[in-house]
Amino acid sequence: MSKPVILCVDDQREVLAALTKDLEPLTSHFSLVDAESADEAIDVLDDLEAGGTPIALIISDHVMPGVSGVDFLSKIAAQSRFAKTRKLLLTGLATHEDTIRAINEGHIDNYTAKPWQPGTLLATVKKLISEYVFDALPDAYLDYKGVMDPDVMINRLQRRGGP
């Protein structure tokens, strides 16, 4: 099986480069893939899925030309093939209404403001990918323990009655 993917979507190359740098500690277990628009991201997702590559997490900027991050994540949330994929909205310019819509329609799992603190973003992503692993790859969680959030791991193991 291919490594699960973390897809980063932002129209600014420097933001994508910063995300790649900050998430580099996860590359032993996850592939980092980027896209510069929601339309490109949809093409990437289709290609990855066609190749049988699991999508663990989508990190999307909100304010992008064309399709906004909220609209993109809402479209993703409506597709059952991404039911276990986690979604993080990354933005510096969202309004209160955008935030509410992102949560209600995009079913985002986390909302992170720009600029972010690298350690905080990495910790948030570890929580999200840990949830993904237990939902999508429950029998393989030990393979991912080196990059998982220990609190999520303990909580999930307690809920299911141990290792």
N, C-alpha and C. Protein backbone atom coordinates (compact mmCIF):
# COMPACT_ATOMS: atom_id res chain seq x y z
N MET A 1 0.84 -1.18 0.00
CA MET A 1 0.00 0.00 0.00
C MET A 1 0.88 1.24 0.00
N SER A 2 0.46 2.25 -0.75
CA SER A 2 1.16 3.53 -0.78
C SER A 2 1.01 4.23 0.57
N LYS A 3 1.97 5.10 0.86
CA LYS A 3 1.85 5.91 2.07
C LYS A 3 0.62 6.80 1.93
N PRO A 4 -0.16 6.96 3.01
CA PRO A 4 -1.27 7.90 2.95
C PRO A 4 -0.75 9.32 2.66
N VAL A 5 -1.59 10.12 2.05
CA VAL A 5 -1.21 11.45 1.61
C VAL A 5 -1.80 12.53 2.52
N ILE A 6 -0.99 13.55 2.74
CA ILE A 6 -1.45 14.82 3.30
C ILE A 6 -1.40 15.79 2.13
N LEU A 7 -2.57 16.27 1.71
CA LEU A 7 -2.66 17.20 0.58
C LEU A 7 -2.77 18.62 1.10
N CYS A 8 -1.86 19.48 0.66
CA CYS A 8 -1.85 20.89 1.05
C CYS A 8 -2.29 21.73 -0.15
N VAL A 9 -3.30 22.57 0.06
CA VAL A 9 -3.85 23.37 -1.03
C VAL A 9 -3.77 24.85 -0.67
N ASP A 10 -3.02 25.61 -1.45
CA ASP A 10 -2.88 27.05 -1.23
C ASP A 10 -2.39 27.67 -2.53
N ASP A 11 -2.89 28.85 -2.85
CA ASP A 11 -2.49 29.50 -4.09
C ASP A 11 -1.13 30.20 -3.99
N GLN A 12 -0.55 30.22 -2.81
CA GLN A 12 0.75 30.86 -2.62
C GLN A 12 1.83 29.79 -2.42
N ARG A 13 2.81 29.77 -3.34
CA ARG A 13 3.88 28.76 -3.28
C ARG A 13 4.65 28.84 -1.97
N GLU A 14 4.85 30.04 -1.44
CA GLU A 14 5.62 30.17 -0.20
C GLU A 14 4.89 29.54 0.99
N VAL A 15 3.57 29.58 0.97
CA VAL A 15 2.80 28.92 2.03
C VAL A 15 2.93 27.40 1.89
N LEU A 16 2.84 26.90 0.67
CA LEU A 16 3.01 25.46 0.45
C LEU A 16 4.41 25.01 0.88
N ALA A 17 5.42 25.84 0.60
CA ALA A 17 6.79 25.50 1.01
C ALA A 17 6.90 25.47 2.53
N ALA A 18 6.26 26.42 3.20
CA ALA A 18 6.29 26.45 4.67
C ALA A 18 5.58 25.23 5.26
N LEU A 19 4.45 24.85 4.68
CA LEU A 19 3.74 23.66 5.15
C LEU A 19 4.60 22.42 4.98
N THR A 20 5.23 22.30 3.82
CA THR A 20 6.10 21.14 3.57
C THR A 20 7.23 21.08 4.59
N LYS A 21 7.82 22.23 4.88
CA LYS A 21 8.91 22.28 5.86
C LYS A 21 8.41 21.90 7.25
N ASP A 22 7.27 22.46 7.66
CA ASP A 22 6.76 22.23 9.01
C ASP A 22 6.25 20.80 9.20
N LEU A 23 5.80 20.16 8.13
CA LEU A 23 5.25 18.80 8.23
C LEU A 23 6.28 17.73 7.85
N GLU A 24 7.49 18.13 7.56
CA GLU A 24 8.55 17.19 7.16
C GLU A 24 8.73 16.04 8.14
N PRO A 25 8.58 16.25 9.47
CA PRO A 25 8.75 15.12 10.39
C PRO A 25 7.78 13.96 10.15
N LEU A 26 6.74 14.19 9.37
CA LEU A 26 5.73 13.14 9.12
C LEU A 26 6.01 12.34 7.86
N THR A 27 7.02 12.75 7.09
CA THR A 27 7.23 12.13 5.78
C THR A 27 7.73 10.69 5.84
N SER A 28 8.09 10.23 7.00
CA SER A 28 8.46 8.82 7.11
C SER A 28 7.24 7.91 6.94
N HIS A 29 6.06 8.46 7.21
CA HIS A 29 4.84 7.66 7.17
C HIS A 29 3.77 8.21 6.21
N PHE A 30 3.91 9.47 5.83
CA PHE A 30 2.91 10.13 4.98
C PHE A 30 3.61 10.85 3.84
N SER A 31 2.98 10.86 2.67
CA SER A 31 3.49 11.64 1.54
C SER A 31 2.84 13.01 1.57
N LEU A 32 3.64 14.04 1.35
CA LEU A 32 3.12 15.40 1.27
C LEU A 32 2.96 15.75 -0.21
N VAL A 33 1.76 16.15 -0.57
CA VAL A 33 1.45 16.51 -1.95
C VAL A 33 0.82 17.89 -1.90
N ASP A 34 1.12 18.74 -2.90
CA ASP A 34 0.50 20.06 -2.87
C ASP A 34 -0.22 20.38 -4.17
N ALA A 35 -1.10 21.37 -4.06
CA ALA A 35 -1.87 21.87 -5.20
C ALA A 35 -2.06 23.37 -4.98
N GLU A 36 -2.09 24.12 -6.08
CA GLU A 36 -2.18 25.57 -5.99
C GLU A 36 -3.60 26.11 -6.16
N SER A 37 -4.58 25.22 -6.29
CA SER A 37 -5.97 25.65 -6.39
C SER A 37 -6.88 24.48 -6.03
N ALA A 38 -8.12 24.80 -5.76
CA ALA A 38 -9.09 23.75 -5.46
C ALA A 38 -9.29 22.84 -6.68
N ASP A 39 -9.33 23.44 -7.87
CA ASP A 39 -9.51 22.64 -9.08
C ASP A 39 -8.34 21.67 -9.28
N GLU A 40 -7.12 22.16 -9.07
CA GLU A 40 -5.95 21.28 -9.18
C GLU A 40 -6.01 20.19 -8.11
N ALA A 41 -6.45 20.57 -6.91
CA ALA A 41 -6.54 19.59 -5.82
C ALA A 41 -7.52 18.48 -6.15
N ILE A 42 -8.63 18.81 -6.77
CA ILE A 42 -9.61 17.79 -7.15
C ILE A 42 -8.99 16.82 -8.17
N ASP A 43 -8.24 17.37 -9.14
CA ASP A 43 -7.55 16.50 -10.10
C ASP A 43 -6.54 15.59 -9.40
N VAL A 44 -5.79 16.16 -8.46
CA VAL A 44 -4.80 15.38 -7.70
C VAL A 44 -5.50 14.28 -6.91
N LEU A 45 -6.59 14.63 -6.25
CA LEU A 45 -7.33 13.64 -5.46
C LEU A 45 -7.85 12.50 -6.35
N ASP A 46 -8.37 12.86 -7.51
CA ASP A 46 -8.86 11.83 -8.44
C ASP A 46 -7.73 10.90 -8.87
N ASP A 47 -6.57 11.48 -9.18
CA ASP A 47 -5.42 10.67 -9.60
C ASP A 47 -4.94 9.77 -8.46
N LEU A 48 -4.86 10.32 -7.26
CA LEU A 48 -4.40 9.53 -6.11
C LEU A 48 -5.37 8.38 -5.84
N GLU A 49 -6.66 8.70 -5.87
CA GLU A 49 -7.64 7.65 -5.60
C GLU A 49 -7.60 6.57 -6.68
N ALA A 50 -7.44 6.99 -7.92
CA ALA A 50 -7.36 6.01 -9.02
C ALA A 50 -6.18 5.06 -8.83
N GLY A 51 -5.12 5.56 -8.20
CA GLY A 51 -3.95 4.73 -7.93
C GLY A 51 -4.03 3.98 -6.62
N GLY A 52 -5.15 4.11 -5.92
CA GLY A 52 -5.33 3.41 -4.65
C GLY A 52 -4.61 4.03 -3.47
N THR A 53 -4.22 5.29 -3.60
CA THR A 53 -3.50 5.97 -2.52
C THR A 53 -4.50 6.59 -1.55
N PRO A 54 -4.41 6.25 -0.26
CA PRO A 54 -5.33 6.83 0.71
C PRO A 54 -5.02 8.30 1.00
N ILE A 55 -6.06 9.07 1.24
CA ILE A 55 -5.92 10.50 1.55
C ILE A 55 -6.22 10.66 3.04
N ALA A 56 -5.20 10.94 3.82
CA ALA A 56 -5.37 11.05 5.27
C ALA A 56 -5.90 12.42 5.68
N LEU A 57 -5.37 13.47 5.06
CA LEU A 57 -5.67 14.83 5.51
C LEU A 57 -5.59 15.79 4.34
N ILE A 58 -6.52 16.73 4.32
CA ILE A 58 -6.46 17.84 3.36
C ILE A 58 -6.35 19.12 4.17
N ILE A 59 -5.29 19.87 3.91
CA ILE A 59 -5.10 21.19 4.51
C ILE A 59 -5.35 22.19 3.40
N SER A 60 -6.36 23.05 3.57
CA SER A 60 -6.70 23.98 2.51
C SER A 60 -6.76 25.41 3.03
N ASP A 61 -6.18 26.31 2.25
CA ASP A 61 -6.35 27.73 2.49
C ASP A 61 -7.81 28.07 2.21
N HIS A 62 -8.30 29.13 2.82
CA HIS A 62 -9.68 29.52 2.55
C HIS A 62 -9.75 30.46 1.35
N VAL A 63 -8.98 31.55 1.39
CA VAL A 63 -9.09 32.58 0.36
C VAL A 63 -8.15 32.23 -0.80
N MET A 64 -8.77 31.72 -1.88
CA MET A 64 -8.02 31.37 -3.09
C MET A 64 -8.83 31.84 -4.29
N PRO A 65 -8.15 32.14 -5.41
CA PRO A 65 -8.89 32.51 -6.62
C PRO A 65 -9.78 31.35 -7.07
N GLY A 66 -10.92 31.68 -7.61
CA GLY A 66 -11.83 30.62 -8.08
C GLY A 66 -12.62 30.06 -6.92
N VAL A 67 -12.41 28.81 -6.62
CA VAL A 67 -13.16 28.11 -5.58
C VAL A 67 -12.49 28.34 -4.23
N SER A 68 -13.27 28.79 -3.25
CA SER A 68 -12.72 29.04 -1.91
C SER A 68 -12.45 27.72 -1.19
N GLY A 69 -11.65 27.81 -0.14
CA GLY A 69 -11.36 26.63 0.66
C GLY A 69 -12.60 26.02 1.28
N VAL A 70 -13.52 26.85 1.74
CA VAL A 70 -14.75 26.34 2.34
C VAL A 70 -15.57 25.60 1.29
N ASP A 71 -15.70 26.18 0.09
CA ASP A 71 -16.46 25.50 -0.96
C ASP A 71 -15.78 24.19 -1.37
N PHE A 72 -14.46 24.21 -1.46
CA PHE A 72 -13.70 23.01 -1.80
C PHE A 72 -13.91 21.92 -0.75
N LEU A 73 -13.74 22.27 0.52
CA LEU A 73 -13.90 21.28 1.59
C LEU A 73 -15.34 20.79 1.70
N SER A 74 -16.30 21.67 1.40
CA SER A 74 -17.71 21.25 1.40
C SER A 74 -17.95 20.21 0.31
N LYS A 75 -17.34 20.44 -0.86
CA LYS A 75 -17.47 19.48 -1.96
C LYS A 75 -16.84 18.14 -1.58
N ILE A 76 -15.70 18.18 -0.93
CA ILE A 76 -15.02 16.96 -0.48
C ILE A 76 -15.87 16.24 0.56
N ALA A 77 -16.42 17.00 1.51
CA ALA A 77 -17.22 16.41 2.59
C ALA A 77 -18.45 15.69 2.06
N ALA A 78 -18.95 16.13 0.91
CA ALA A 78 -20.16 15.52 0.34
C ALA A 78 -19.88 14.20 -0.37
N GLN A 79 -18.61 13.84 -0.51
CA GLN A 79 -18.25 12.62 -1.23
C GLN A 79 -17.88 11.52 -0.24
N SER A 80 -18.59 10.42 -0.32
CA SER A 80 -18.37 9.33 0.64
C SER A 80 -16.95 8.76 0.56
N ARG A 81 -16.30 8.88 -0.59
CA ARG A 81 -14.94 8.34 -0.72
C ARG A 81 -13.94 9.05 0.19
N PHE A 82 -14.32 10.23 0.69
CA PHE A 82 -13.44 10.97 1.60
C PHE A 82 -14.01 11.03 3.02
N ALA A 83 -14.86 10.08 3.35
CA ALA A 83 -15.53 10.10 4.66
C ALA A 83 -14.54 10.05 5.82
N LYS A 84 -13.44 9.37 5.67
CA LYS A 84 -12.47 9.24 6.77
C LYS A 84 -11.33 10.26 6.67
N THR A 85 -11.25 10.95 5.55
CA THR A 85 -10.22 11.97 5.36
C THR A 85 -10.49 13.14 6.29
N ARG A 86 -9.45 13.59 6.97
CA ARG A 86 -9.57 14.74 7.87
C ARG A 86 -9.35 16.02 7.06
N LYS A 87 -9.96 17.11 7.55
CA LYS A 87 -9.89 18.38 6.84
C LYS A 87 -9.51 19.51 7.80
N LEU A 88 -8.53 20.32 7.37
CA LEU A 88 -8.07 21.46 8.15
C LEU A 88 -8.16 22.68 7.26
N LEU A 89 -8.83 23.73 7.74
CA LEU A 89 -8.93 24.99 7.01
C LEU A 89 -7.89 25.94 7.57
N LEU A 90 -7.09 26.50 6.69
CA LEU A 90 -5.99 27.37 7.07
C LEU A 90 -6.26 28.74 6.46
N THR A 91 -6.36 29.78 7.29
CA THR A 91 -6.65 31.09 6.72
C THR A 91 -6.27 32.23 7.64
N GLY A 92 -6.07 33.37 7.03
CA GLY A 92 -5.81 34.58 7.78
C GLY A 92 -6.88 35.62 7.55
N LEU A 93 -7.83 35.35 6.66
CA LEU A 93 -8.78 36.38 6.26
C LEU A 93 -10.25 35.98 6.35
N ALA A 94 -10.57 34.93 7.02
CA ALA A 94 -11.97 34.47 7.06
C ALA A 94 -12.81 35.35 7.98
N THR A 95 -14.06 35.51 7.61
CA THR A 95 -15.01 36.22 8.46
C THR A 95 -15.65 35.22 9.43
N HIS A 96 -16.40 35.74 10.37
CA HIS A 96 -17.11 34.88 11.32
C HIS A 96 -18.08 33.96 10.57
N GLU A 97 -18.75 34.50 9.55
CA GLU A 97 -19.68 33.70 8.76
C GLU A 97 -18.95 32.59 8.00
N ASP A 98 -17.76 32.92 7.48
CA ASP A 98 -16.96 31.90 6.79
C ASP A 98 -16.63 30.75 7.72
N THR A 99 -16.28 31.10 8.94
CA THR A 99 -15.90 30.08 9.93
C THR A 99 -17.08 29.16 10.23
N ILE A 100 -18.24 29.74 10.46
CA ILE A 100 -19.44 28.95 10.75
C ILE A 100 -19.77 28.05 9.56
N ARG A 101 -19.70 28.61 8.36
CA ARG A 101 -20.00 27.83 7.16
C ARG A 101 -18.99 26.70 6.97
N ALA A 102 -17.73 26.98 7.26
CA ALA A 102 -16.69 25.94 7.12
C ALA A 102 -16.98 24.77 8.04
N ILE A 103 -17.39 25.06 9.24
CA ILE A 103 -17.68 24.00 10.20
C ILE A 103 -18.95 23.25 9.82
N ASN A 104 -19.99 23.98 9.49
CA ASN A 104 -21.27 23.34 9.21
C ASN A 104 -21.33 22.64 7.85
N GLU A 105 -20.78 23.26 6.82
CA GLU A 105 -20.89 22.69 5.47
C GLU A 105 -19.65 21.90 5.06
N GLY A 106 -18.48 22.38 5.48
CA GLY A 106 -17.24 21.72 5.09
C GLY A 106 -16.85 20.61 6.02
N HIS A 107 -17.56 20.52 7.14
CA HIS A 107 -17.26 19.48 8.14
C HIS A 107 -15.77 19.43 8.44
N ILE A 108 -15.18 20.64 8.64
CA ILE A 108 -13.75 20.65 8.91
C ILE A 108 -13.49 20.11 10.31
N ASP A 109 -12.32 19.54 10.45
CA ASP A 109 -11.91 18.97 11.73
C ASP A 109 -11.08 19.96 12.53
N ASN A 110 -10.52 20.96 11.84
CA ASN A 110 -9.73 21.97 12.54
C ASN A 110 -9.68 23.23 11.70
N TYR A 111 -9.63 24.35 12.41
CA TYR A 111 -9.53 25.67 11.80
C TYR A 111 -8.27 26.30 12.37
N THR A 112 -7.29 26.60 11.53
CA THR A 112 -6.02 27.15 11.98
C THR A 112 -5.79 28.49 11.30
N ALA A 113 -5.42 29.49 12.10
CA ALA A 113 -5.18 30.84 11.58
C ALA A 113 -3.75 30.98 11.06
N LYS A 114 -3.62 31.79 10.02
CA LYS A 114 -2.30 32.20 9.53
C LYS A 114 -1.93 33.49 10.24
N PRO A 115 -0.71 33.74 10.54
CA PRO A 115 0.39 32.79 10.48
C PRO A 115 0.28 31.80 11.63
N TRP A 116 0.72 30.59 11.41
CA TRP A 116 0.65 29.55 12.43
C TRP A 116 2.01 29.38 13.08
N GLN A 117 2.00 28.77 14.24
CA GLN A 117 3.24 28.37 14.90
C GLN A 117 3.57 26.96 14.42
N PRO A 118 4.77 26.73 13.89
CA PRO A 118 5.09 25.40 13.34
C PRO A 118 4.83 24.24 14.31
N GLY A 119 5.22 24.39 15.56
CA GLY A 119 5.01 23.31 16.53
C GLY A 119 3.54 23.04 16.79
N THR A 120 2.76 24.11 16.84
CA THR A 120 1.32 23.97 17.07
C THR A 120 0.65 23.31 15.87
N LEU A 121 1.04 23.72 14.66
CA LEU A 121 0.47 23.10 13.46
C LEU A 121 0.83 21.62 13.41
N LEU A 122 2.07 21.29 13.68
CA LEU A 122 2.49 19.89 13.65
C LEU A 122 1.71 19.07 14.67
N ALA A 123 1.52 19.61 15.87
CA ALA A 123 0.75 18.89 16.90
C ALA A 123 -0.70 18.68 16.45
N THR A 124 -1.29 19.70 15.84
CA THR A 124 -2.66 19.59 15.34
C THR A 124 -2.75 18.53 14.25
N VAL A 125 -1.81 18.56 13.33
CA VAL A 125 -1.82 17.59 12.24
C VAL A 125 -1.62 16.17 12.78
N LYS A 126 -0.75 16.01 13.78
CA LYS A 126 -0.56 14.69 14.37
C LYS A 126 -1.87 14.16 14.97
N LYS A 127 -2.64 15.04 15.61
CA LYS A 127 -3.93 14.61 16.16
C LYS A 127 -4.86 14.16 15.04
N LEU A 128 -4.92 14.95 13.98
CA LEU A 128 -5.82 14.63 12.87
C LEU A 128 -5.42 13.33 12.17
N ILE A 129 -4.13 13.14 11.93
CA ILE A 129 -3.72 11.91 11.25
C ILE A 129 -3.87 10.70 12.17
N SER A 130 -3.76 10.93 13.47
CA SER A 130 -3.99 9.83 14.42
C SER A 130 -5.44 9.37 14.36
N GLU A 131 -6.35 10.33 14.33
CA GLU A 131 -7.77 9.99 14.20
C GLU A 131 -8.01 9.25 12.88
N TYR A 132 -7.39 9.74 11.82
CA TYR A 132 -7.53 9.08 10.53
C TYR A 132 -7.04 7.62 10.59
N VAL A 133 -5.87 7.42 11.16
CA VAL A 133 -5.30 6.06 11.22
C VAL A 133 -6.24 5.12 11.96
N PHE A 134 -6.78 5.56 13.09
CA PHE A 134 -7.67 4.67 13.85
C PHE A 134 -8.99 4.43 13.12
N ASP A 135 -9.44 5.38 12.31
CA ASP A 135 -10.68 5.19 11.57
C ASP A 135 -10.49 4.40 10.28
N ALA A 136 -9.41 4.69 9.56
CA ALA A 136 -9.22 4.11 8.23
C ALA A 136 -8.29 2.90 8.21
N LEU A 137 -7.34 2.85 9.15
CA LEU A 137 -6.33 1.78 9.15
C LEU A 137 -6.17 1.21 10.56
N PRO A 138 -7.27 0.82 11.20
CA PRO A 138 -7.21 0.46 12.63
C PRO A 138 -6.26 -0.69 12.96
N ASP A 139 -6.08 -1.61 12.05
CA ASP A 139 -5.20 -2.74 12.33
C ASP A 139 -3.73 -2.40 12.11
N ALA A 140 -3.46 -1.23 11.55
CA ALA A 140 -2.08 -0.84 11.24
C ALA A 140 -1.58 0.29 12.13
N TYR A 141 -2.32 0.62 13.19
CA TYR A 141 -1.95 1.79 13.99
C TYR A 141 -0.54 1.69 14.55
N LEU A 142 -0.07 0.50 14.87
CA LEU A 142 1.29 0.36 15.42
C LEU A 142 2.35 0.79 14.41
N ASP A 143 2.05 0.65 13.13
CA ASP A 143 2.99 1.08 12.09
C ASP A 143 3.17 2.60 12.08
N TYR A 144 2.21 3.32 12.64
CA TYR A 144 2.22 4.78 12.61
C TYR A 144 2.52 5.41 13.97
N LYS A 145 2.77 4.60 14.98
CA LYS A 145 2.89 5.14 16.34
C LYS A 145 3.98 6.20 16.48
N GLY A 146 5.00 6.15 15.63
CA GLY A 146 6.08 7.14 15.70
C GLY A 146 5.67 8.55 15.33
N VAL A 147 4.54 8.70 14.64
CA VAL A 147 4.08 10.03 14.23
C VAL A 147 2.70 10.37 14.78
N MET A 148 2.17 9.49 15.61
CA MET A 148 0.82 9.72 16.13
C MET A 148 0.83 10.52 17.42
N ASP A 149 -0.28 11.16 17.69
CA ASP A 149 -0.47 11.89 18.94
C ASP A 149 -0.74 10.87 20.04
N PRO A 150 0.07 10.89 21.11
CA PRO A 150 -0.09 9.87 22.15
C PRO A 150 -1.44 9.93 22.87
N ASP A 151 -1.99 11.14 23.04
CA ASP A 151 -3.28 11.25 23.72
C ASP A 151 -4.40 10.62 22.90
N VAL A 152 -4.38 10.87 21.60
CA VAL A 152 -5.38 10.27 20.72
C VAL A 152 -5.22 8.75 20.74
N MET A 153 -3.99 8.29 20.69
CA MET A 153 -3.72 6.85 20.68
C MET A 153 -4.25 6.19 21.95
N ILE A 154 -3.95 6.77 23.10
CA ILE A 154 -4.42 6.21 24.37
C ILE A 154 -5.94 6.22 24.43
N ASN A 155 -6.53 7.34 24.05
CA ASN A 155 -7.99 7.46 24.08
C ASN A 155 -8.65 6.42 23.18
N ARG A 156 -8.15 6.27 21.97
CA ARG A 156 -8.74 5.32 21.03
C ARG A 156 -8.55 3.88 21.50
N LEU A 157 -7.38 3.57 22.05
CA LEU A 157 -7.15 2.21 22.55
C LEU A 157 -8.03 1.90 23.75
N GLN A 158 -8.23 2.88 24.62
CA GLN A 158 -9.12 2.67 25.77
C GLN A 158 -10.55 2.44 25.30
N ARG A 159 -10.98 3.19 24.30
CA ARG A 159 -12.35 3.04 23.79
C ARG A 159 -12.59 1.68 23.16
N ARG A 160 -11.56 1.11 22.56
CA ARG A 160 -11.77 -0.19 21.92
C ARG A 160 -11.31 -1.35 22.79
N GLY A 161 -10.86 -1.06 23.99
CA GLY A 161 -10.55 -2.14 24.93
C GLY A 161 -9.12 -2.62 24.90
N GLY A 162 -8.19 -1.77 24.45
CA GLY A 162 -6.77 -2.14 24.48
C GLY A 162 -6.21 -2.45 23.12
N PRO A 163 -4.89 -2.75 23.06
CA PRO A 163 -4.23 -2.98 21.77
C PRO A 163 -4.69 -4.18 21.12
